Amino acid sequence: MTLYGWTILIVSVGFTTGSLVWCLARVLRNHGKQDRLHGTSDLNVRDTDG
């Protein structure tokens, strides 16, 4: 493989791994803050047609 191929491979795998780590860190960091999480049953939907 050429140097260009290795560069593209390393950048793409690095970006994907970095995104995974970032997402997991956000989910695990908010583990104790469950008051910020809401389900669809918590939504206040009002009929505004009249």
N, C-alpha and C. Protein backbone atom coordinates (compact mmCIF):
# COMPACT_ATOMS: atom_id res chain seq x y z
N MET A 1 0.84 -1.17 0.00
CA MET A 1 0.00 0.00 0.00
C MET A 1 0.89 1.24 0.00
N THR A 2 0.41 2.28 -0.61
CA THR A 2 1.20 3.50 -0.69
C THR A 2 1.07 4.31 0.59
N LEU A 3 1.87 5.35 0.69
CA LEU A 3 1.82 6.23 1.85
C LEU A 3 0.47 6.93 1.93
N TYR A 4 -0.09 7.30 0.79
CA TYR A 4 -1.41 7.94 0.75
C TYR A 4 -2.49 6.99 1.28
N GLY A 5 -2.41 5.74 0.92
CA GLY A 5 -3.37 4.74 1.40
C GLY A 5 -3.28 4.56 2.90
N TRP A 6 -2.06 4.48 3.43
CA TRP A 6 -1.88 4.34 4.88
C TRP A 6 -2.40 5.58 5.61
N THR A 7 -2.18 6.74 5.02
CA THR A 7 -2.65 7.97 5.65
C THR A 7 -4.18 7.99 5.75
N ILE A 8 -4.85 7.66 4.65
CA ILE A 8 -6.31 7.62 4.65
C ILE A 8 -6.82 6.57 5.65
N LEU A 9 -6.17 5.42 5.69
CA LEU A 9 -6.57 4.35 6.61
C LEU A 9 -6.44 4.80 8.05
N ILE A 10 -5.32 5.39 8.41
CA ILE A 10 -5.07 5.81 9.79
C ILE A 10 -6.02 6.93 10.19
N VAL A 11 -6.26 7.88 9.30
CA VAL A 11 -7.16 8.99 9.61
C VAL A 11 -8.59 8.49 9.79
N SER A 12 -9.05 7.62 8.91
CA SER A 12 -10.43 7.15 9.01
C SER A 12 -10.64 6.26 10.23
N VAL A 13 -9.72 5.36 10.51
CA VAL A 13 -9.85 4.51 11.69
C VAL A 13 -9.71 5.34 12.96
N GLY A 14 -8.82 6.31 12.95
CA GLY A 14 -8.66 7.20 14.10
C GLY A 14 -9.89 8.03 14.37
N PHE A 15 -10.51 8.55 13.30
CA PHE A 15 -11.73 9.35 13.46
C PHE A 15 -12.87 8.49 13.99
N THR A 16 -13.02 7.30 13.47
CA THR A 16 -14.09 6.41 13.91
C THR A 16 -13.89 6.01 15.37
N THR A 17 -12.68 5.65 15.73
CA THR A 17 -12.38 5.28 17.11
C THR A 17 -12.57 6.47 18.05
N GLY A 18 -12.12 7.63 17.62
CA GLY A 18 -12.30 8.83 18.43
C GLY A 18 -13.76 9.17 18.64
N SER A 19 -14.57 9.02 17.60
CA SER A 19 -16.01 9.28 17.73
C SER A 19 -16.66 8.30 18.70
N LEU A 20 -16.27 7.04 18.62
CA LEU A 20 -16.80 6.03 19.53
C LEU A 20 -16.44 6.36 20.97
N VAL A 21 -15.19 6.71 21.23
CA VAL A 21 -14.75 7.03 22.58
C VAL A 21 -15.47 8.27 23.09
N TRP A 22 -15.64 9.28 22.25
CA TRP A 22 -16.32 10.50 22.64
C TRP A 22 -17.78 10.21 23.02
N CYS A 23 -18.47 9.42 22.20
CA CYS A 23 -19.87 9.08 22.47
C CYS A 23 -20.00 8.26 23.76
N LEU A 24 -19.15 7.30 23.95
CA LEU A 24 -19.20 6.49 25.17
C LEU A 24 -18.90 7.34 26.40
N ALA A 25 -17.95 8.26 26.29
CA ALA A 25 -17.63 9.13 27.42
C ALA A 25 -18.82 10.01 27.77
N ARG A 26 -19.53 10.53 26.77
CA ARG A 26 -20.70 11.37 27.03
C ARG A 26 -21.81 10.58 27.71
N VAL A 27 -22.02 9.35 27.26
CA VAL A 27 -23.07 8.52 27.85
C VAL A 27 -22.70 8.13 29.28
N LEU A 28 -21.49 7.70 29.49
CA LEU A 28 -21.09 7.24 30.81
C LEU A 28 -20.92 8.39 31.80
N ARG A 29 -20.55 9.56 31.33
CA ARG A 29 -20.39 10.72 32.21
C ARG A 29 -21.75 11.19 32.72
N ASN A 30 -22.81 11.04 31.94
CA ASN A 30 -24.14 11.46 32.34
C ASN A 30 -24.92 10.36 33.04
N HIS A 31 -24.23 9.34 33.49
CA HIS A 31 -24.90 8.20 34.12
C HIS A 31 -25.68 8.62 35.36
N GLY A 32 -25.14 9.51 36.19
CA GLY A 32 -25.81 9.91 37.41
C GLY A 32 -26.82 11.02 37.21
N LYS A 33 -26.89 11.60 36.04
CA LYS A 33 -27.77 12.73 35.78
C LYS A 33 -29.00 12.27 35.00
N GLN A 34 -29.74 11.36 35.55
CA GLN A 34 -30.88 10.81 34.84
C GLN A 34 -32.07 11.74 34.82
N ASP A 35 -32.03 12.84 35.57
CA ASP A 35 -33.14 13.77 35.53
C ASP A 35 -33.18 14.53 34.21
N ARG A 36 -32.11 14.52 33.45
CA ARG A 36 -32.07 15.18 32.16
C ARG A 36 -32.63 14.30 31.05
N LEU A 37 -32.81 13.03 31.32
CA LEU A 37 -33.30 12.11 30.31
C LEU A 37 -34.82 12.03 30.39
N HIS A 38 -35.48 12.14 29.26
CA HIS A 38 -36.93 12.11 29.23
C HIS A 38 -37.41 11.15 28.16
N GLY A 39 -38.51 10.50 28.45
CA GLY A 39 -39.14 9.62 27.48
C GLY A 39 -40.28 10.34 26.79
N THR A 40 -40.90 9.68 25.85
CA THR A 40 -41.99 10.30 25.11
C THR A 40 -43.23 10.49 25.98
N SER A 41 -43.37 9.71 27.06
CA SER A 41 -44.52 9.87 27.94
C SER A 41 -44.41 11.14 28.78
N ASP A 42 -43.22 11.73 28.87
CA ASP A 42 -43.02 12.96 29.65
C ASP A 42 -43.32 14.22 28.87
N LEU A 43 -43.58 14.11 27.59
CA LEU A 43 -43.82 15.29 26.76
C LEU A 43 -45.17 15.89 27.06
N ASN A 44 -45.22 17.21 27.08
CA ASN A 44 -46.48 17.92 27.29
C ASN A 44 -46.97 18.39 25.92
N VAL A 45 -47.87 17.63 25.34
CA VAL A 45 -48.37 17.95 24.02
C VAL A 45 -49.77 18.51 24.16
N ARG A 46 -49.94 19.75 23.69
CA ARG A 46 -51.25 20.40 23.78
C ARG A 46 -51.82 20.58 22.37
N ASP A 47 -53.10 20.47 22.27
CA ASP A 47 -53.78 20.71 21.01
C ASP A 47 -53.94 22.21 20.84
N THR A 48 -53.29 22.79 19.85
CA THR A 48 -53.32 24.25 19.67
C THR A 48 -54.22 24.67 18.52
N ASP A 49 -55.08 23.77 18.03
CA ASP A 49 -55.95 24.12 16.91
C ASP A 49 -57.16 24.95 17.34
N GLY A 50 -57.41 25.09 18.59
CA GLY A 50 -58.53 25.94 18.96
C GLY A 50 -59.36 25.37 19.98
